[in-house]
Amino acid sequence: SISWGGSNTYYVDSVKGRFTISRD
């Protein structure tokens, strides 16, 4: 998940370090 402005992100442990969420 990612916050409105994109400054905060959160990942499930199984993908942490491998996946990156971002928004434009």
PDBML (XML) file of the C-alpha atoms, coordinates in Angstrom:
<?xml version="1.0" encoding="UTF-8" ?>
<PDBx:datablock datablockName="MODEL"
   xmlns:PDBx="http://pdbml.pdb.org/schema/pdbx-v50.xsd"
   xmlns:xsi="http://www.w3.org/2001/XMLSchema-instance"
   xsi:schemaLocation="http://pdbml.pdb.org/schema/pdbx-v50.xsd pdbx-v50.xsd">
   <PDBx:atom_siteCategory>
      <PDBx:atom_site id="1">
         <PDBx:B_iso_or_equiv>0.00</PDBx:B_iso_or_equiv>
         <PDBx:Cartn_x>0.000</PDBx:Cartn_x>
         <PDBx:Cartn_y>0.000</PDBx:Cartn_y>
         <PDBx:Cartn_z>0.000</PDBx:Cartn_z>
         <PDBx:auth_asym_id>A</PDBx:auth_asym_id>
         <PDBx:auth_atom_id>CA</PDBx:auth_atom_id>
         <PDBx:auth_comp_id>SER</PDBx:auth_comp_id>
         <PDBx:auth_seq_id>1</PDBx:auth_seq_id>
         <PDBx:group_PDB>ATOM</PDBx:group_PDB>
         <PDBx:label_alt_id xsi:nil="true" />
         <PDBx:label_asym_id>A</PDBx:label_asym_id>
         <PDBx:label_atom_id>CA</PDBx:label_atom_id>
         <PDBx:label_comp_id>SER</PDBx:label_comp_id>
         <PDBx:label_entity_id>1</PDBx:label_entity_id>
         <PDBx:label_seq_id>1</PDBx:label_seq_id>
         <PDBx:occupancy>1.00</PDBx:occupancy>
         <PDBx:pdbx_PDB_model_num>1</PDBx:pdbx_PDB_model_num>
         <PDBx:type_symbol>C</PDBx:type_symbol>
      </PDBx:atom_site>
      <PDBx:atom_site id="2">
         <PDBx:B_iso_or_equiv>0.00</PDBx:B_iso_or_equiv>
         <PDBx:Cartn_x>0.990</PDBx:Cartn_x>
         <PDBx:Cartn_y>3.636</PDBx:Cartn_y>
         <PDBx:Cartn_z>-0.495</PDBx:Cartn_z>
         <PDBx:auth_asym_id>A</PDBx:auth_asym_id>
         <PDBx:auth_atom_id>CA</PDBx:auth_atom_id>
         <PDBx:auth_comp_id>ILE</PDBx:auth_comp_id>
         <PDBx:auth_seq_id>2</PDBx:auth_seq_id>
         <PDBx:group_PDB>ATOM</PDBx:group_PDB>
         <PDBx:label_alt_id xsi:nil="true" />
         <PDBx:label_asym_id>A</PDBx:label_asym_id>
         <PDBx:label_atom_id>CA</PDBx:label_atom_id>
         <PDBx:label_comp_id>ILE</PDBx:label_comp_id>
         <PDBx:label_entity_id>1</PDBx:label_entity_id>
         <PDBx:label_seq_id>2</PDBx:label_seq_id>
         <PDBx:occupancy>1.00</PDBx:occupancy>
         <PDBx:pdbx_PDB_model_num>1</PDBx:pdbx_PDB_model_num>
         <PDBx:type_symbol>C</PDBx:type_symbol>
      </PDBx:atom_site>
      <PDBx:atom_site id="3">
         <PDBx:B_iso_or_equiv>0.00</PDBx:B_iso_or_equiv>
         <PDBx:Cartn_x>-0.308</PDBx:Cartn_x>
         <PDBx:Cartn_y>6.873</PDBx:Cartn_y>
         <PDBx:Cartn_z>1.031</PDBx:Cartn_z>
         <PDBx:auth_asym_id>A</PDBx:auth_asym_id>
         <PDBx:auth_atom_id>CA</PDBx:auth_atom_id>
         <PDBx:auth_comp_id>SER</PDBx:auth_comp_id>
         <PDBx:auth_seq_id>3</PDBx:auth_seq_id>
         <PDBx:group_PDB>ATOM</PDBx:group_PDB>
         <PDBx:label_alt_id xsi:nil="true" />
         <PDBx:label_asym_id>A</PDBx:label_asym_id>
         <PDBx:label_atom_id>CA</PDBx:label_atom_id>
         <PDBx:label_comp_id>SER</PDBx:label_comp_id>
         <PDBx:label_entity_id>1</PDBx:label_entity_id>
         <PDBx:label_seq_id>3</PDBx:label_seq_id>
         <PDBx:occupancy>1.00</PDBx:occupancy>
         <PDBx:pdbx_PDB_model_num>1</PDBx:pdbx_PDB_model_num>
         <PDBx:type_symbol>C</PDBx:type_symbol>
      </PDBx:atom_site>
      <PDBx:atom_site id="4">
         <PDBx:B_iso_or_equiv>0.00</PDBx:B_iso_or_equiv>
         <PDBx:Cartn_x>-1.895</PDBx:Cartn_x>
         <PDBx:Cartn_y>9.812</PDBx:Cartn_y>
         <PDBx:Cartn_z>-0.801</PDBx:Cartn_z>
         <PDBx:auth_asym_id>A</PDBx:auth_asym_id>
         <PDBx:auth_atom_id>CA</PDBx:auth_atom_id>
         <PDBx:auth_comp_id>TRP</PDBx:auth_comp_id>
         <PDBx:auth_seq_id>4</PDBx:auth_seq_id>
         <PDBx:group_PDB>ATOM</PDBx:group_PDB>
         <PDBx:label_alt_id xsi:nil="true" />
         <PDBx:label_asym_id>A</PDBx:label_asym_id>
         <PDBx:label_atom_id>CA</PDBx:label_atom_id>
         <PDBx:label_comp_id>TRP</PDBx:label_comp_id>
         <PDBx:label_entity_id>1</PDBx:label_entity_id>
         <PDBx:label_seq_id>4</PDBx:label_seq_id>
         <PDBx:occupancy>1.00</PDBx:occupancy>
         <PDBx:pdbx_PDB_model_num>1</PDBx:pdbx_PDB_model_num>
         <PDBx:type_symbol>C</PDBx:type_symbol>
      </PDBx:atom_site>
      <PDBx:atom_site id="5">
         <PDBx:B_iso_or_equiv>0.00</PDBx:B_iso_or_equiv>
         <PDBx:Cartn_x>1.358</PDBx:Cartn_x>
         <PDBx:Cartn_y>11.660</PDBx:Cartn_y>
         <PDBx:Cartn_z>-1.411</PDBx:Cartn_z>
         <PDBx:auth_asym_id>A</PDBx:auth_asym_id>
         <PDBx:auth_atom_id>CA</PDBx:auth_atom_id>
         <PDBx:auth_comp_id>GLY</PDBx:auth_comp_id>
         <PDBx:auth_seq_id>5</PDBx:auth_seq_id>
         <PDBx:group_PDB>ATOM</PDBx:group_PDB>
         <PDBx:label_alt_id xsi:nil="true" />
         <PDBx:label_asym_id>A</PDBx:label_asym_id>
         <PDBx:label_atom_id>CA</PDBx:label_atom_id>
         <PDBx:label_comp_id>GLY</PDBx:label_comp_id>
         <PDBx:label_entity_id>1</PDBx:label_entity_id>
         <PDBx:label_seq_id>5</PDBx:label_seq_id>
         <PDBx:occupancy>1.00</PDBx:occupancy>
         <PDBx:pdbx_PDB_model_num>1</PDBx:pdbx_PDB_model_num>
         <PDBx:type_symbol>C</PDBx:type_symbol>
      </PDBx:atom_site>
      <PDBx:atom_site id="6">
         <PDBx:B_iso_or_equiv>0.00</PDBx:B_iso_or_equiv>
         <PDBx:Cartn_x>3.488</PDBx:Cartn_x>
         <PDBx:Cartn_y>8.553</PDBx:Cartn_y>
         <PDBx:Cartn_z>-1.853</PDBx:Cartn_z>
         <PDBx:auth_asym_id>A</PDBx:auth_asym_id>
         <PDBx:auth_atom_id>CA</PDBx:auth_atom_id>
         <PDBx:auth_comp_id>GLY</PDBx:auth_comp_id>
         <PDBx:auth_seq_id>6</PDBx:auth_seq_id>
         <PDBx:group_PDB>ATOM</PDBx:group_PDB>
         <PDBx:label_alt_id xsi:nil="true" />
         <PDBx:label_asym_id>A</PDBx:label_asym_id>
         <PDBx:label_atom_id>CA</PDBx:label_atom_id>
         <PDBx:label_comp_id>GLY</PDBx:label_comp_id>
         <PDBx:label_entity_id>1</PDBx:label_entity_id>
         <PDBx:label_seq_id>6</PDBx:label_seq_id>
         <PDBx:occupancy>1.00</PDBx:occupancy>
         <PDBx:pdbx_PDB_model_num>1</PDBx:pdbx_PDB_model_num>
         <PDBx:type_symbol>C</PDBx:type_symbol>
      </PDBx:atom_site>
      <PDBx:atom_site id="7">
         <PDBx:B_iso_or_equiv>0.00</PDBx:B_iso_or_equiv>
         <PDBx:Cartn_x>5.712</PDBx:Cartn_x>
         <PDBx:Cartn_y>9.211</PDBx:Cartn_y>
         <PDBx:Cartn_z>1.169</PDBx:Cartn_z>
         <PDBx:auth_asym_id>A</PDBx:auth_asym_id>
         <PDBx:auth_atom_id>CA</PDBx:auth_atom_id>
         <PDBx:auth_comp_id>SER</PDBx:auth_comp_id>
         <PDBx:auth_seq_id>7</PDBx:auth_seq_id>
         <PDBx:group_PDB>ATOM</PDBx:group_PDB>
         <PDBx:label_alt_id xsi:nil="true" />
         <PDBx:label_asym_id>A</PDBx:label_asym_id>
         <PDBx:label_atom_id>CA</PDBx:label_atom_id>
         <PDBx:label_comp_id>SER</PDBx:label_comp_id>
         <PDBx:label_entity_id>1</PDBx:label_entity_id>
         <PDBx:label_seq_id>7</PDBx:label_seq_id>
         <PDBx:occupancy>1.00</PDBx:occupancy>
         <PDBx:pdbx_PDB_model_num>1</PDBx:pdbx_PDB_model_num>
         <PDBx:type_symbol>C</PDBx:type_symbol>
      </PDBx:atom_site>
      <PDBx:atom_site id="8">
         <PDBx:B_iso_or_equiv>0.00</PDBx:B_iso_or_equiv>
         <PDBx:Cartn_x>4.509</PDBx:Cartn_x>
         <PDBx:Cartn_y>6.215</PDBx:Cartn_y>
         <PDBx:Cartn_z>3.205</PDBx:Cartn_z>
         <PDBx:auth_asym_id>A</PDBx:auth_asym_id>
         <PDBx:auth_atom_id>CA</PDBx:auth_atom_id>
         <PDBx:auth_comp_id>ASN</PDBx:auth_comp_id>
         <PDBx:auth_seq_id>8</PDBx:auth_seq_id>
         <PDBx:group_PDB>ATOM</PDBx:group_PDB>
         <PDBx:label_alt_id xsi:nil="true" />
         <PDBx:label_asym_id>A</PDBx:label_asym_id>
         <PDBx:label_atom_id>CA</PDBx:label_atom_id>
         <PDBx:label_comp_id>ASN</PDBx:label_comp_id>
         <PDBx:label_entity_id>1</PDBx:label_entity_id>
         <PDBx:label_seq_id>8</PDBx:label_seq_id>
         <PDBx:occupancy>1.00</PDBx:occupancy>
         <PDBx:pdbx_PDB_model_num>1</PDBx:pdbx_PDB_model_num>
         <PDBx:type_symbol>C</PDBx:type_symbol>
      </PDBx:atom_site>
      <PDBx:atom_site id="9">
         <PDBx:B_iso_or_equiv>0.00</PDBx:B_iso_or_equiv>
         <PDBx:Cartn_x>4.561</PDBx:Cartn_x>
         <PDBx:Cartn_y>2.609</PDBx:Cartn_y>
         <PDBx:Cartn_z>2.012</PDBx:Cartn_z>
         <PDBx:auth_asym_id>A</PDBx:auth_asym_id>
         <PDBx:auth_atom_id>CA</PDBx:auth_atom_id>
         <PDBx:auth_comp_id>THR</PDBx:auth_comp_id>
         <PDBx:auth_seq_id>9</PDBx:auth_seq_id>
         <PDBx:group_PDB>ATOM</PDBx:group_PDB>
         <PDBx:label_alt_id xsi:nil="true" />
         <PDBx:label_asym_id>A</PDBx:label_asym_id>
         <PDBx:label_atom_id>CA</PDBx:label_atom_id>
         <PDBx:label_comp_id>THR</PDBx:label_comp_id>
         <PDBx:label_entity_id>1</PDBx:label_entity_id>
         <PDBx:label_seq_id>9</PDBx:label_seq_id>
         <PDBx:occupancy>1.00</PDBx:occupancy>
         <PDBx:pdbx_PDB_model_num>1</PDBx:pdbx_PDB_model_num>
         <PDBx:type_symbol>C</PDBx:type_symbol>
      </PDBx:atom_site>
      <PDBx:atom_site id="10">
         <PDBx:B_iso_or_equiv>0.00</PDBx:B_iso_or_equiv>
         <PDBx:Cartn_x>3.852</PDBx:Cartn_x>
         <PDBx:Cartn_y>-0.768</PDBx:Cartn_y>
         <PDBx:Cartn_z>3.581</PDBx:Cartn_z>
         <PDBx:auth_asym_id>A</PDBx:auth_asym_id>
         <PDBx:auth_atom_id>CA</PDBx:auth_atom_id>
         <PDBx:auth_comp_id>TYR</PDBx:auth_comp_id>
         <PDBx:auth_seq_id>10</PDBx:auth_seq_id>
         <PDBx:group_PDB>ATOM</PDBx:group_PDB>
         <PDBx:label_alt_id xsi:nil="true" />
         <PDBx:label_asym_id>A</PDBx:label_asym_id>
         <PDBx:label_atom_id>CA</PDBx:label_atom_id>
         <PDBx:label_comp_id>TYR</PDBx:label_comp_id>
         <PDBx:label_entity_id>1</PDBx:label_entity_id>
         <PDBx:label_seq_id>10</PDBx:label_seq_id>
         <PDBx:occupancy>1.00</PDBx:occupancy>
         <PDBx:pdbx_PDB_model_num>1</PDBx:pdbx_PDB_model_num>
         <PDBx:type_symbol>C</PDBx:type_symbol>
      </PDBx:atom_site>
      <PDBx:atom_site id="11">
         <PDBx:B_iso_or_equiv>0.00</PDBx:B_iso_or_equiv>
         <PDBx:Cartn_x>4.505</PDBx:Cartn_x>
         <PDBx:Cartn_y>-4.322</PDBx:Cartn_y>
         <PDBx:Cartn_z>2.346</PDBx:Cartn_z>
         <PDBx:auth_asym_id>A</PDBx:auth_asym_id>
         <PDBx:auth_atom_id>CA</PDBx:auth_atom_id>
         <PDBx:auth_comp_id>TYR</PDBx:auth_comp_id>
         <PDBx:auth_seq_id>11</PDBx:auth_seq_id>
         <PDBx:group_PDB>ATOM</PDBx:group_PDB>
         <PDBx:label_alt_id xsi:nil="true" />
         <PDBx:label_asym_id>A</PDBx:label_asym_id>
         <PDBx:label_atom_id>CA</PDBx:label_atom_id>
         <PDBx:label_comp_id>TYR</PDBx:label_comp_id>
         <PDBx:label_entity_id>1</PDBx:label_entity_id>
         <PDBx:label_seq_id>11</PDBx:label_seq_id>
         <PDBx:occupancy>1.00</PDBx:occupancy>
         <PDBx:pdbx_PDB_model_num>1</PDBx:pdbx_PDB_model_num>
         <PDBx:type_symbol>C</PDBx:type_symbol>
      </PDBx:atom_site>
      <PDBx:atom_site id="12">
         <PDBx:B_iso_or_equiv>0.00</PDBx:B_iso_or_equiv>
         <PDBx:Cartn_x>3.584</PDBx:Cartn_x>
         <PDBx:Cartn_y>-7.839</PDBx:Cartn_y>
         <PDBx:Cartn_z>3.311</PDBx:Cartn_z>
         <PDBx:auth_asym_id>A</PDBx:auth_asym_id>
         <PDBx:auth_atom_id>CA</PDBx:auth_atom_id>
         <PDBx:auth_comp_id>VAL</PDBx:auth_comp_id>
         <PDBx:auth_seq_id>12</PDBx:auth_seq_id>
         <PDBx:group_PDB>ATOM</PDBx:group_PDB>
         <PDBx:label_alt_id xsi:nil="true" />
         <PDBx:label_asym_id>A</PDBx:label_asym_id>
         <PDBx:label_atom_id>CA</PDBx:label_atom_id>
         <PDBx:label_comp_id>VAL</PDBx:label_comp_id>
         <PDBx:label_entity_id>1</PDBx:label_entity_id>
         <PDBx:label_seq_id>12</PDBx:label_seq_id>
         <PDBx:occupancy>1.00</PDBx:occupancy>
         <PDBx:pdbx_PDB_model_num>1</PDBx:pdbx_PDB_model_num>
         <PDBx:type_symbol>C</PDBx:type_symbol>
      </PDBx:atom_site>
      <PDBx:atom_site id="13">
         <PDBx:B_iso_or_equiv>0.00</PDBx:B_iso_or_equiv>
         <PDBx:Cartn_x>6.673</PDBx:Cartn_x>
         <PDBx:Cartn_y>-9.631</PDBx:Cartn_y>
         <PDBx:Cartn_z>4.646</PDBx:Cartn_z>
         <PDBx:auth_asym_id>A</PDBx:auth_asym_id>
         <PDBx:auth_atom_id>CA</PDBx:auth_atom_id>
         <PDBx:auth_comp_id>ASP</PDBx:auth_comp_id>
         <PDBx:auth_seq_id>13</PDBx:auth_seq_id>
         <PDBx:group_PDB>ATOM</PDBx:group_PDB>
         <PDBx:label_alt_id xsi:nil="true" />
         <PDBx:label_asym_id>A</PDBx:label_asym_id>
         <PDBx:label_atom_id>CA</PDBx:label_atom_id>
         <PDBx:label_comp_id>ASP</PDBx:label_comp_id>
         <PDBx:label_entity_id>1</PDBx:label_entity_id>
         <PDBx:label_seq_id>13</PDBx:label_seq_id>
         <PDBx:occupancy>1.00</PDBx:occupancy>
         <PDBx:pdbx_PDB_model_num>1</PDBx:pdbx_PDB_model_num>
         <PDBx:type_symbol>C</PDBx:type_symbol>
      </PDBx:atom_site>
      <PDBx:atom_site id="14">
         <PDBx:B_iso_or_equiv>0.00</PDBx:B_iso_or_equiv>
         <PDBx:Cartn_x>6.820</PDBx:Cartn_x>
         <PDBx:Cartn_y>-12.103</PDBx:Cartn_y>
         <PDBx:Cartn_z>1.758</PDBx:Cartn_z>
         <PDBx:auth_asym_id>A</PDBx:auth_asym_id>
         <PDBx:auth_atom_id>CA</PDBx:auth_atom_id>
         <PDBx:auth_comp_id>SER</PDBx:auth_comp_id>
         <PDBx:auth_seq_id>14</PDBx:auth_seq_id>
         <PDBx:group_PDB>ATOM</PDBx:group_PDB>
         <PDBx:label_alt_id xsi:nil="true" />
         <PDBx:label_asym_id>A</PDBx:label_asym_id>
         <PDBx:label_atom_id>CA</PDBx:label_atom_id>
         <PDBx:label_comp_id>SER</PDBx:label_comp_id>
         <PDBx:label_entity_id>1</PDBx:label_entity_id>
         <PDBx:label_seq_id>14</PDBx:label_seq_id>
         <PDBx:occupancy>1.00</PDBx:occupancy>
         <PDBx:pdbx_PDB_model_num>1</PDBx:pdbx_PDB_model_num>
         <PDBx:type_symbol>C</PDBx:type_symbol>
      </PDBx:atom_site>
      <PDBx:atom_site id="15">
         <PDBx:B_iso_or_equiv>0.00</PDBx:B_iso_or_equiv>
         <PDBx:Cartn_x>7.530</PDBx:Cartn_x>
         <PDBx:Cartn_y>-9.361</PDBx:Cartn_y>
         <PDBx:Cartn_z>-0.820</PDBx:Cartn_z>
         <PDBx:auth_asym_id>A</PDBx:auth_asym_id>
         <PDBx:auth_atom_id>CA</PDBx:auth_atom_id>
         <PDBx:auth_comp_id>VAL</PDBx:auth_comp_id>
         <PDBx:auth_seq_id>15</PDBx:auth_seq_id>
         <PDBx:group_PDB>ATOM</PDBx:group_PDB>
         <PDBx:label_alt_id xsi:nil="true" />
         <PDBx:label_asym_id>A</PDBx:label_asym_id>
         <PDBx:label_atom_id>CA</PDBx:label_atom_id>
         <PDBx:label_comp_id>VAL</PDBx:label_comp_id>
         <PDBx:label_entity_id>1</PDBx:label_entity_id>
         <PDBx:label_seq_id>15</PDBx:label_seq_id>
         <PDBx:occupancy>1.00</PDBx:occupancy>
         <PDBx:pdbx_PDB_model_num>1</PDBx:pdbx_PDB_model_num>
         <PDBx:type_symbol>C</PDBx:type_symbol>
      </PDBx:atom_site>
      <PDBx:atom_site id="16">
         <PDBx:B_iso_or_equiv>0.00</PDBx:B_iso_or_equiv>
         <PDBx:Cartn_x>9.517</PDBx:Cartn_x>
         <PDBx:Cartn_y>-6.893</PDBx:Cartn_y>
         <PDBx:Cartn_z>1.283</PDBx:Cartn_z>
         <PDBx:auth_asym_id>A</PDBx:auth_asym_id>
         <PDBx:auth_atom_id>CA</PDBx:auth_atom_id>
         <PDBx:auth_comp_id>LYS</PDBx:auth_comp_id>
         <PDBx:auth_seq_id>16</PDBx:auth_seq_id>
         <PDBx:group_PDB>ATOM</PDBx:group_PDB>
         <PDBx:label_alt_id xsi:nil="true" />
         <PDBx:label_asym_id>A</PDBx:label_asym_id>
         <PDBx:label_atom_id>CA</PDBx:label_atom_id>
         <PDBx:label_comp_id>LYS</PDBx:label_comp_id>
         <PDBx:label_entity_id>1</PDBx:label_entity_id>
         <PDBx:label_seq_id>16</PDBx:label_seq_id>
         <PDBx:occupancy>1.00</PDBx:occupancy>
         <PDBx:pdbx_PDB_model_num>1</PDBx:pdbx_PDB_model_num>
         <PDBx:type_symbol>C</PDBx:type_symbol>
      </PDBx:atom_site>
      <PDBx:atom_site id="17">
         <PDBx:B_iso_or_equiv>0.00</PDBx:B_iso_or_equiv>
         <PDBx:Cartn_x>12.809</PDBx:Cartn_x>
         <PDBx:Cartn_y>-6.072</PDBx:Cartn_y>
         <PDBx:Cartn_z>-0.407</PDBx:Cartn_z>
         <PDBx:auth_asym_id>A</PDBx:auth_asym_id>
         <PDBx:auth_atom_id>CA</PDBx:auth_atom_id>
         <PDBx:auth_comp_id>GLY</PDBx:auth_comp_id>
         <PDBx:auth_seq_id>17</PDBx:auth_seq_id>
         <PDBx:group_PDB>ATOM</PDBx:group_PDB>
         <PDBx:label_alt_id xsi:nil="true" />
         <PDBx:label_asym_id>A</PDBx:label_asym_id>
         <PDBx:label_atom_id>CA</PDBx:label_atom_id>
         <PDBx:label_comp_id>GLY</PDBx:label_comp_id>
         <PDBx:label_entity_id>1</PDBx:label_entity_id>
         <PDBx:label_seq_id>17</PDBx:label_seq_id>
         <PDBx:occupancy>1.00</PDBx:occupancy>
         <PDBx:pdbx_PDB_model_num>1</PDBx:pdbx_PDB_model_num>
         <PDBx:type_symbol>C</PDBx:type_symbol>
      </PDBx:atom_site>
      <PDBx:atom_site id="18">
         <PDBx:B_iso_or_equiv>0.00</PDBx:B_iso_or_equiv>
         <PDBx:Cartn_x>11.650</PDBx:Cartn_x>
         <PDBx:Cartn_y>-7.486</PDBx:Cartn_y>
         <PDBx:Cartn_z>-3.753</PDBx:Cartn_z>
         <PDBx:auth_asym_id>A</PDBx:auth_asym_id>
         <PDBx:auth_atom_id>CA</PDBx:auth_atom_id>
         <PDBx:auth_comp_id>ARG</PDBx:auth_comp_id>
         <PDBx:auth_seq_id>18</PDBx:auth_seq_id>
         <PDBx:group_PDB>ATOM</PDBx:group_PDB>
         <PDBx:label_alt_id xsi:nil="true" />
         <PDBx:label_asym_id>A</PDBx:label_asym_id>
         <PDBx:label_atom_id>CA</PDBx:label_atom_id>
         <PDBx:label_comp_id>ARG</PDBx:label_comp_id>
         <PDBx:label_entity_id>1</PDBx:label_entity_id>
         <PDBx:label_seq_id>18</PDBx:label_seq_id>
         <PDBx:occupancy>1.00</PDBx:occupancy>
         <PDBx:pdbx_PDB_model_num>1</PDBx:pdbx_PDB_model_num>
         <PDBx:type_symbol>C</PDBx:type_symbol>
      </PDBx:atom_site>
      <PDBx:atom_site id="19">
         <PDBx:B_iso_or_equiv>0.00</PDBx:B_iso_or_equiv>
         <PDBx:Cartn_x>8.596</PDBx:Cartn_x>
         <PDBx:Cartn_y>-5.377</PDBx:Cartn_y>
         <PDBx:Cartn_z>-4.654</PDBx:Cartn_z>
         <PDBx:auth_asym_id>A</PDBx:auth_asym_id>
         <PDBx:auth_atom_id>CA</PDBx:auth_atom_id>
         <PDBx:auth_comp_id>PHE</PDBx:auth_comp_id>
         <PDBx:auth_seq_id>19</PDBx:auth_seq_id>
         <PDBx:group_PDB>ATOM</PDBx:group_PDB>
         <PDBx:label_alt_id xsi:nil="true" />
         <PDBx:label_asym_id>A</PDBx:label_asym_id>
         <PDBx:label_atom_id>CA</PDBx:label_atom_id>
         <PDBx:label_comp_id>PHE</PDBx:label_comp_id>
         <PDBx:label_entity_id>1</PDBx:label_entity_id>
         <PDBx:label_seq_id>19</PDBx:label_seq_id>
         <PDBx:occupancy>1.00</PDBx:occupancy>
         <PDBx:pdbx_PDB_model_num>1</PDBx:pdbx_PDB_model_num>
         <PDBx:type_symbol>C</PDBx:type_symbol>
      </PDBx:atom_site>
      <PDBx:atom_site id="20">
         <PDBx:B_iso_or_equiv>0.00</PDBx:B_iso_or_equiv>
         <PDBx:Cartn_x>8.300</PDBx:Cartn_x>
         <PDBx:Cartn_y>-1.585</PDBx:Cartn_y>
         <PDBx:Cartn_z>-4.792</PDBx:Cartn_z>
         <PDBx:auth_asym_id>A</PDBx:auth_asym_id>
         <PDBx:auth_atom_id>CA</PDBx:auth_atom_id>
         <PDBx:auth_comp_id>THR</PDBx:auth_comp_id>
         <PDBx:auth_seq_id>20</PDBx:auth_seq_id>
         <PDBx:group_PDB>ATOM</PDBx:group_PDB>
         <PDBx:label_alt_id xsi:nil="true" />
         <PDBx:label_asym_id>A</PDBx:label_asym_id>
         <PDBx:label_atom_id>CA</PDBx:label_atom_id>
         <PDBx:label_comp_id>THR</PDBx:label_comp_id>
         <PDBx:label_entity_id>1</PDBx:label_entity_id>
         <PDBx:label_seq_id>20</PDBx:label_seq_id>
         <PDBx:occupancy>1.00</PDBx:occupancy>
         <PDBx:pdbx_PDB_model_num>1</PDBx:pdbx_PDB_model_num>
         <PDBx:type_symbol>C</PDBx:type_symbol>
      </PDBx:atom_site>
      <PDBx:atom_site id="21">
         <PDBx:B_iso_or_equiv>0.00</PDBx:B_iso_or_equiv>
         <PDBx:Cartn_x>5.005</PDBx:Cartn_x>
         <PDBx:Cartn_y>0.298</PDBx:Cartn_y>
         <PDBx:Cartn_z>-4.848</PDBx:Cartn_z>
         <PDBx:auth_asym_id>A</PDBx:auth_asym_id>
         <PDBx:auth_atom_id>CA</PDBx:auth_atom_id>
         <PDBx:auth_comp_id>ILE</PDBx:auth_comp_id>
         <PDBx:auth_seq_id>21</PDBx:auth_seq_id>
         <PDBx:group_PDB>ATOM</PDBx:group_PDB>
         <PDBx:label_alt_id xsi:nil="true" />
         <PDBx:label_asym_id>A</PDBx:label_asym_id>
         <PDBx:label_atom_id>CA</PDBx:label_atom_id>
         <PDBx:label_comp_id>ILE</PDBx:label_comp_id>
         <PDBx:label_entity_id>1</PDBx:label_entity_id>
         <PDBx:label_seq_id>21</PDBx:label_seq_id>
         <PDBx:occupancy>1.00</PDBx:occupancy>
         <PDBx:pdbx_PDB_model_num>1</PDBx:pdbx_PDB_model_num>
         <PDBx:type_symbol>C</PDBx:type_symbol>
      </PDBx:atom_site>
      <PDBx:atom_site id="22">
         <PDBx:B_iso_or_equiv>0.00</PDBx:B_iso_or_equiv>
         <PDBx:Cartn_x>4.962</PDBx:Cartn_x>
         <PDBx:Cartn_y>3.832</PDBx:Cartn_y>
         <PDBx:Cartn_z>-6.257</PDBx:Cartn_z>
         <PDBx:auth_asym_id>A</PDBx:auth_asym_id>
         <PDBx:auth_atom_id>CA</PDBx:auth_atom_id>
         <PDBx:auth_comp_id>SER</PDBx:auth_comp_id>
         <PDBx:auth_seq_id>22</PDBx:auth_seq_id>
         <PDBx:group_PDB>ATOM</PDBx:group_PDB>
         <PDBx:label_alt_id xsi:nil="true" />
         <PDBx:label_asym_id>A</PDBx:label_asym_id>
         <PDBx:label_atom_id>CA</PDBx:label_atom_id>
         <PDBx:label_comp_id>SER</PDBx:label_comp_id>
         <PDBx:label_entity_id>1</PDBx:label_entity_id>
         <PDBx:label_seq_id>22</PDBx:label_seq_id>
         <PDBx:occupancy>1.00</PDBx:occupancy>
         <PDBx:pdbx_PDB_model_num>1</PDBx:pdbx_PDB_model_num>
         <PDBx:type_symbol>C</PDBx:type_symbol>
      </PDBx:atom_site>
      <PDBx:atom_site id="23">
         <PDBx:B_iso_or_equiv>0.00</PDBx:B_iso_or_equiv>
         <PDBx:Cartn_x>2.569</PDBx:Cartn_x>
         <PDBx:Cartn_y>6.360</PDBx:Cartn_y>
         <PDBx:Cartn_z>-7.754</PDBx:Cartn_z>
         <PDBx:auth_asym_id>A</PDBx:auth_asym_id>
         <PDBx:auth_atom_id>CA</PDBx:auth_atom_id>
         <PDBx:auth_comp_id>ARG</PDBx:auth_comp_id>
         <PDBx:auth_seq_id>23</PDBx:auth_seq_id>
         <PDBx:group_PDB>ATOM</PDBx:group_PDB>
         <PDBx:label_alt_id xsi:nil="true" />
         <PDBx:label_asym_id>A</PDBx:label_asym_id>
         <PDBx:label_atom_id>CA</PDBx:label_atom_id>
         <PDBx:label_comp_id>ARG</PDBx:label_comp_id>
         <PDBx:label_entity_id>1</PDBx:label_entity_id>
         <PDBx:label_seq_id>23</PDBx:label_seq_id>
         <PDBx:occupancy>1.00</PDBx:occupancy>
         <PDBx:pdbx_PDB_model_num>1</PDBx:pdbx_PDB_model_num>
         <PDBx:type_symbol>C</PDBx:type_symbol>
      </PDBx:atom_site>
      <PDBx:atom_site id="24">
         <PDBx:B_iso_or_equiv>0.00</PDBx:B_iso_or_equiv>
         <PDBx:Cartn_x>2.623</PDBx:Cartn_x>
         <PDBx:Cartn_y>9.228</PDBx:Cartn_y>
         <PDBx:Cartn_z>-10.217</PDBx:Cartn_z>
         <PDBx:auth_asym_id>A</PDBx:auth_asym_id>
         <PDBx:auth_atom_id>CA</PDBx:auth_atom_id>
         <PDBx:auth_comp_id>ASP</PDBx:auth_comp_id>
         <PDBx:auth_seq_id>24</PDBx:auth_seq_id>
         <PDBx:group_PDB>ATOM</PDBx:group_PDB>
         <PDBx:label_alt_id xsi:nil="true" />
         <PDBx:label_asym_id>A</PDBx:label_asym_id>
         <PDBx:label_atom_id>CA</PDBx:label_atom_id>
         <PDBx:label_comp_id>ASP</PDBx:label_comp_id>
         <PDBx:label_entity_id>1</PDBx:label_entity_id>
         <PDBx:label_seq_id>24</PDBx:label_seq_id>
         <PDBx:occupancy>1.00</PDBx:occupancy>
         <PDBx:pdbx_PDB_model_num>1</PDBx:pdbx_PDB_model_num>
         <PDBx:type_symbol>C</PDBx:type_symbol>
      </PDBx:atom_site>
   </PDBx:atom_siteCategory>
</PDBx:datablock>
